[in-house]
Amino acid sequence: MVKLQFDRNKQYKITLPKALVEAKGWEKGDRINVSLDSKGDLVLSLKSRKRGGNR
């Protein structure tokens, strides 16, 4: 479970669990697309790799 947070810049944020990020093979600097499915649930998908990445 993640906690929705609100920062000083008036932005909502969530922190993803390390195990989930590692299971997806994501790395710091990767661009993640955030969208909604037909039920209104959030969908996270890799948009692009960071430049100079290992993959």
PDB file of N, CA and C in Angstrom:
ATOM      1  N   MET A   1       0.848  -1.172   0.000  1.00  0.00           N
ATOM      2  CA  MET A   1       0.000   0.000   0.000  1.00  0.00           C
ATOM      3  C   MET A   1       0.897   1.239   0.000  1.00  0.00           C
ATOM      4  N   VAL A   2       0.447   2.273  -0.675  1.00  0.00           N
ATOM      5  CA  VAL A   2       1.170   3.541  -0.692  1.00  0.00           C
ATOM      6  C   VAL A   2       0.287   4.627  -0.093  1.00  0.00           C
ATOM      7  N   LYS A   3       0.911   5.679   0.371  1.00  0.00           N
ATOM      8  CA  LYS A   3       0.200   6.790   0.992  1.00  0.00           C
ATOM      9  C   LYS A   3       0.260   7.999   0.062  1.00  0.00           C
ATOM     10  N   LEU A   4      -0.884   8.606  -0.192  1.00  0.00           N
ATOM     11  CA  LEU A   4      -0.947   9.823  -0.990  1.00  0.00           C
ATOM     12  C   LEU A   4      -0.452  10.985  -0.130  1.00  0.00           C
ATOM     13  N   GLN A   5       0.494  11.749  -0.671  1.00  0.00           N
ATOM     14  CA  GLN A   5       1.078  12.865   0.059  1.00  0.00           C
ATOM     15  C   GLN A   5       0.870  14.156  -0.717  1.00  0.00           C
ATOM     16  N   PHE A   6       0.911  15.269  -0.021  1.00  0.00           N
ATOM     17  CA  PHE A   6       0.753  16.597  -0.613  1.00  0.00           C
ATOM     18  C   PHE A   6       1.923  17.429  -0.136  1.00  0.00           C
ATOM     19  N   ASP A   7       2.723  17.970  -1.076  1.00  0.00           N
ATOM     20  CA  ASP A   7       3.932  18.681  -0.677  1.00  0.00           C
ATOM     21  C   ASP A   7       3.767  20.196  -0.691  1.00  0.00           C
ATOM     22  N   ARG A   8       4.832  20.887  -0.363  1.00  0.00           N
ATOM     23  CA  ARG A   8       4.817  22.353  -0.273  1.00  0.00           C
ATOM     24  C   ARG A   8       4.578  23.017  -1.627  1.00  0.00           C
ATOM     25  N   ASN A   9       4.884  22.308  -2.708  1.00  0.00           N
ATOM     26  CA  ASN A   9       4.666  22.841  -4.053  1.00  0.00           C
ATOM     27  C   ASN A   9       3.254  22.555  -4.558  1.00  0.00           C
ATOM     28  N   LYS A  10       2.398  22.135  -3.644  1.00  0.00           N
ATOM     29  CA  LYS A  10       0.994  21.836  -3.946  1.00  0.00           C
ATOM     30  C   LYS A  10       0.866  20.750  -5.009  1.00  0.00           C
ATOM     31  N   GLN A  11       1.721  19.705  -4.883  1.00  0.00           N
ATOM     32  CA  GLN A  11       1.697  18.550  -5.769  1.00  0.00           C
ATOM     33  C   GLN A  11       1.351  17.312  -4.951  1.00  0.00           C
ATOM     34  N   TYR A  12       0.498  16.464  -5.512  1.00  0.00           N
ATOM     35  CA  TYR A  12       0.233  15.176  -4.885  1.00  0.00           C
ATOM     36  C   TYR A  12       1.296  14.194  -5.332  1.00  0.00           C
ATOM     37  N   LYS A  13       1.732  13.322  -4.415  1.00  0.00           N
ATOM     38  CA  LYS A  13       2.790  12.368  -4.709  1.00  0.00           C
ATOM     39  C   LYS A  13       2.506  11.038  -4.037  1.00  0.00           C
ATOM     40  N   ILE A  14       3.015   9.963  -4.667  1.00  0.00           N
ATOM     41  CA  ILE A  14       3.038   8.660  -4.019  1.00  0.00           C
ATOM     42  C   ILE A  14       4.465   8.124  -4.144  1.00  0.00           C
ATOM     43  N   THR A  15       4.858   7.308  -3.202  1.00  0.00           N
ATOM     44  CA  THR A  15       6.150   6.645  -3.247  1.00  0.00           C
ATOM     45  C   THR A  15       5.893   5.184  -3.592  1.00  0.00           C
ATOM     46  N   LEU A  16       6.556   4.703  -4.630  1.00  0.00           N
ATOM     47  CA  LEU A  16       6.371   3.318  -5.047  1.00  0.00           C
ATOM     48  C   LEU A  16       7.300   2.411  -4.242  1.00  0.00           C
ATOM     49  N   PRO A  17       6.800   1.253  -3.840  1.00  0.00           N
ATOM     50  CA  PRO A  17       7.662   0.319  -3.113  1.00  0.00           C
ATOM     51  C   PRO A  17       8.845  -0.135  -3.975  1.00  0.00           C
ATOM     52  N   LYS A  18      10.011  -0.236  -3.356  1.00  0.00           N
ATOM     53  CA  LYS A  18      11.233  -0.629  -4.047  1.00  0.00           C
ATOM     54  C   LYS A  18      11.054  -1.965  -4.770  1.00  0.00           C
ATOM     55  N   ALA A  19      10.400  -2.927  -4.132  1.00  0.00           N
ATOM     56  CA  ALA A  19      10.213  -4.251  -4.736  1.00  0.00           C
ATOM     57  C   ALA A  19       9.417  -4.162  -6.036  1.00  0.00           C
ATOM     58  N   LEU A  20       8.427  -3.282  -6.096  1.00  0.00           N
ATOM     59  CA  LEU A  20       7.623  -3.119  -7.303  1.00  0.00           C
ATOM     60  C   LEU A  20       8.468  -2.521  -8.428  1.00  0.00           C
ATOM     61  N   VAL A  21       9.231  -1.499  -8.121  1.00  0.00           N
ATOM     62  CA  VAL A  21      10.088  -0.840  -9.120  1.00  0.00           C
ATOM     63  C   VAL A  21      11.128  -1.830  -9.649  1.00  0.00           C
ATOM     64  N   GLU A  22      11.725  -2.595  -8.749  1.00  0.00           N
ATOM     65  CA  GLU A  22      12.722  -3.580  -9.181  1.00  0.00           C
ATOM     66  C   GLU A  22      12.084  -4.686 -10.017  1.00  0.00           C
ATOM     67  N   ALA A  23      10.883  -5.126  -9.653  1.00  0.00           N
ATOM     68  CA  ALA A  23      10.185  -6.168 -10.418  1.00  0.00           C
ATOM     69  C   ALA A  23       9.876  -5.693 -11.840  1.00  0.00           C
ATOM     70  N   LYS A  24       9.585  -4.416 -11.995  1.00  0.00           N
ATOM     71  CA  LYS A  24       9.307  -3.847 -13.316  1.00  0.00           C
ATOM     72  C   LYS A  24      10.589  -3.559 -14.093  1.00  0.00           C
ATOM     73  N   GLY A  25      11.732  -3.558 -13.407  1.00  0.00           N
ATOM     74  CA  GLY A  25      12.999  -3.262 -14.068  1.00  0.00           C
ATOM     75  C   GLY A  25      13.207  -1.777 -14.316  1.00  0.00           C
ATOM     76  N   TRP A  26      12.449  -0.943 -13.618  1.00  0.00           N
ATOM     77  CA  TRP A  26      12.581   0.500 -13.767  1.00  0.00           C
ATOM     78  C   TRP A  26      13.806   0.982 -13.010  1.00  0.00           C
ATOM     79  N   GLU A  27      14.343   2.117 -13.471  1.00  0.00           N
ATOM     80  CA  GLU A  27      15.511   2.722 -12.826  1.00  0.00           C
ATOM     81  C   GLU A  27      15.282   4.214 -12.641  1.00  0.00           C
ATOM     82  N   LYS A  28      16.046   4.798 -11.741  1.00  0.00           N
ATOM     83  CA  LYS A  28      15.986   6.242 -11.512  1.00  0.00           C
ATOM     84  C   LYS A  28      16.177   6.956 -12.842  1.00  0.00           C
ATOM     85  N   GLY A  29      15.325   7.906 -13.134  1.00  0.00           N
ATOM     86  CA  GLY A  29      15.421   8.679 -14.369  1.00  0.00           C
ATOM     87  C   GLY A  29      14.508   8.179 -15.474  1.00  0.00           C
ATOM     88  N   ASP A  30      13.980   6.938 -15.352  1.00  0.00           N
ATOM     89  CA  ASP A  30      13.021   6.450 -16.340  1.00  0.00           C
ATOM     90  C   ASP A  30      11.769   7.315 -16.285  1.00  0.00           C
ATOM     91  N   ARG A  31      11.117   7.478 -17.423  1.00  0.00           N
ATOM     92  CA  ARG A  31       9.878   8.254 -17.486  1.00  0.00           C
ATOM     93  C   ARG A  31       8.707   7.273 -17.452  1.00  0.00           C
ATOM     94  N   ILE A  32       7.806   7.477 -16.502  1.00  0.00           N
ATOM     95  CA  ILE A  32       6.679   6.580 -16.289  1.00  0.00           C
ATOM     96  C   ILE A  32       5.394   7.277 -16.708  1.00  0.00           C
ATOM     97  N   ASN A  33       4.636   6.623 -17.583  1.00  0.00           N
ATOM     98  CA  ASN A  33       3.358   7.150 -18.036  1.00  0.00           C
ATOM     99  C   ASN A  33       2.279   6.778 -17.012  1.00  0.00           C
ATOM    100  N   VAL A  34       1.433   7.723 -16.667  1.00  0.00           N
ATOM    101  CA  VAL A  34       0.324   7.493 -15.734  1.00  0.00           C
ATOM    102  C   VAL A  34      -0.973   7.714 -16.498  1.00  0.00           C
ATOM    103  N   SER A  35      -1.844   6.699 -16.491  1.00  0.00           N
ATOM    104  CA  SER A  35      -3.121   6.809 -17.199  1.00  0.00           C
ATOM    105  C   SER A  35      -4.205   6.110 -16.396  1.00  0.00           C
ATOM    106  N   LEU A  36      -5.431   6.214 -16.881  1.00  0.00           N
ATOM    107  CA  LEU A  36      -6.579   5.553 -16.251  1.00  0.00           C
ATOM    108  C   LEU A  36      -7.114   4.487 -17.190  1.00  0.00           C
ATOM    109  N   ASP A  37      -7.505   3.342 -16.626  1.00  0.00           N
ATOM    110  CA  ASP A  37      -8.138   2.312 -17.448  1.00  0.00           C
ATOM    111  C   ASP A  37      -9.643   2.560 -17.502  1.00  0.00           C
ATOM    112  N   SER A  38     -10.377   1.660 -18.129  1.00  0.00           N
ATOM    113  CA  SER A  38     -11.819   1.846 -18.317  1.00  0.00           C
ATOM    114  C   SER A  38     -12.603   1.858 -17.008  1.00  0.00           C
ATOM    115  N   LYS A  39     -12.008   1.324 -15.927  1.00  0.00           N
ATOM    116  CA  LYS A  39     -12.659   1.324 -14.611  1.00  0.00           C
ATOM    117  C   LYS A  39     -12.251   2.524 -13.757  1.00  0.00           C
ATOM    118  N   GLY A  40     -11.332   3.348 -14.287  1.00  0.00           N
ATOM    119  CA  GLY A  40     -10.871   4.504 -13.530  1.00  0.00           C
ATOM    120  C   GLY A  40      -9.680   4.214 -12.640  1.00  0.00           C
ATOM    121  N   ASP A  41      -9.091   3.026 -12.771  1.00  0.00           N
ATOM    122  CA  ASP A  41      -7.912   2.676 -11.979  1.00  0.00           C
ATOM    123  C   ASP A  41      -6.656   3.229 -12.643  1.00  0.00           C
ATOM    124  N   LEU A  42      -5.672   3.586 -11.827  1.00  0.00           N
ATOM    125  CA  LEU A  42      -4.398   4.078 -12.352  1.00  0.00           C
ATOM    126  C   LEU A  42      -3.617   2.953 -13.011  1.00  0.00           C
ATOM    127  N   VAL A  43      -2.979   3.285 -14.119  1.00  0.00           N
ATOM    128  CA  VAL A  43      -2.095   2.352 -14.820  1.00  0.00           C
ATOM    129  C   VAL A  43      -0.752   3.049 -14.992  1.00  0.00           C
ATOM    130  N   LEU A  44       0.318   2.407 -14.522  1.00  0.00           N
ATOM    131  CA  LEU A  44       1.671   2.940 -14.669  1.00  0.00           C
ATOM    132  C   LEU A  44       2.392   2.091 -15.700  1.00  0.00           C
ATOM    133  N   SER A  45       3.028   2.736 -16.669  1.00  0.00           N
ATOM    134  CA  SER A  45       3.780   2.006 -17.690  1.00  0.00           C
ATOM    135  C   SER A  45       5.017   2.802 -18.071  1.00  0.00           C
ATOM    136  N   LEU A  46       6.042   2.094 -18.491  1.00  0.00           N
ATOM    137  CA  LEU A  46       7.288   2.737 -18.880  1.00  0.00           C
ATOM    138  C   LEU A  46       7.076   3.520 -20.165  1.00  0.00           C
ATOM    139  N   LYS A  47       7.378   4.810 -20.124  1.00  0.00           N
ATOM    140  CA  LYS A  47       7.269   5.656 -21.318  1.00  0.00           C
ATOM    141  C   LYS A  47       8.601   5.670 -22.063  1.00  0.00           C
ATOM    142  N   SER A  48       9.692   5.910 -21.330  1.00  0.00           N
ATOM    143  CA  SER A  48      11.014   5.902 -21.950  1.00  0.00           C
ATOM    144  C   SER A  48      12.074   5.675 -20.888  1.00  0.00           C
ATOM    145  N   ARG A  49      13.165   5.113 -21.337  1.00  0.00           N
ATOM    146  CA  ARG A  49      14.316   4.875 -20.453  1.00  0.00           C
ATOM    147  C   ARG A  49      15.106   6.153 -20.282  1.00  0.00           C
ATOM    148  N   LYS A  50      15.777   6.236 -19.151  1.00  0.00           N
ATOM    149  CA  LYS A  50      16.680   7.365 -18.956  1.00  0.00           C
ATOM    150  C   LYS A  50      17.764   7.306 -20.010  1.00  0.00           C
ATOM    151  N   ARG A  51      18.319   8.430 -20.342  1.00  0.00           N
ATOM    152  CA  ARG A  51      19.403   8.464 -21.327  1.00  0.00           C
ATOM    153  C   ARG A  51      20.639   7.808 -20.751  1.00  0.00           C
ATOM    154  N   GLY A  52      21.308   7.038 -21.578  1.00  0.00           N
ATOM    155  CA  GLY A  52      22.528   6.379 -21.127  1.00  0.00           C
ATOM    156  C   GLY A  52      22.259   5.189 -20.236  1.00  0.00           C
ATOM    157  N   GLY A  53      21.020   4.679 -20.261  1.00  0.00           N
ATOM    158  CA  GLY A  53      20.668   3.535 -19.427  1.00  0.00           C
ATOM    159  C   GLY A  53      21.324   2.260 -19.886  1.00  0.00           C
ATOM    160  N   ASN A  54      21.232   1.252 -19.061  1.00  0.00           N
ATOM    161  CA  ASN A  54      21.849  -0.039 -19.365  1.00  0.00           C
ATOM    162  C   ASN A  54      21.026  -0.873 -20.326  1.00  0.00           C
ATOM    163  N   ARG A  55      19.844  -0.446 -20.671  1.00  0.00           N
ATOM    164  CA  ARG A  55      18.964  -1.264 -21.507  1.00  0.00           C
ATOM    165  C   ARG A  55      18.692  -0.605 -22.816  1.00  0.00           C
TER     166      ARG A  55
END
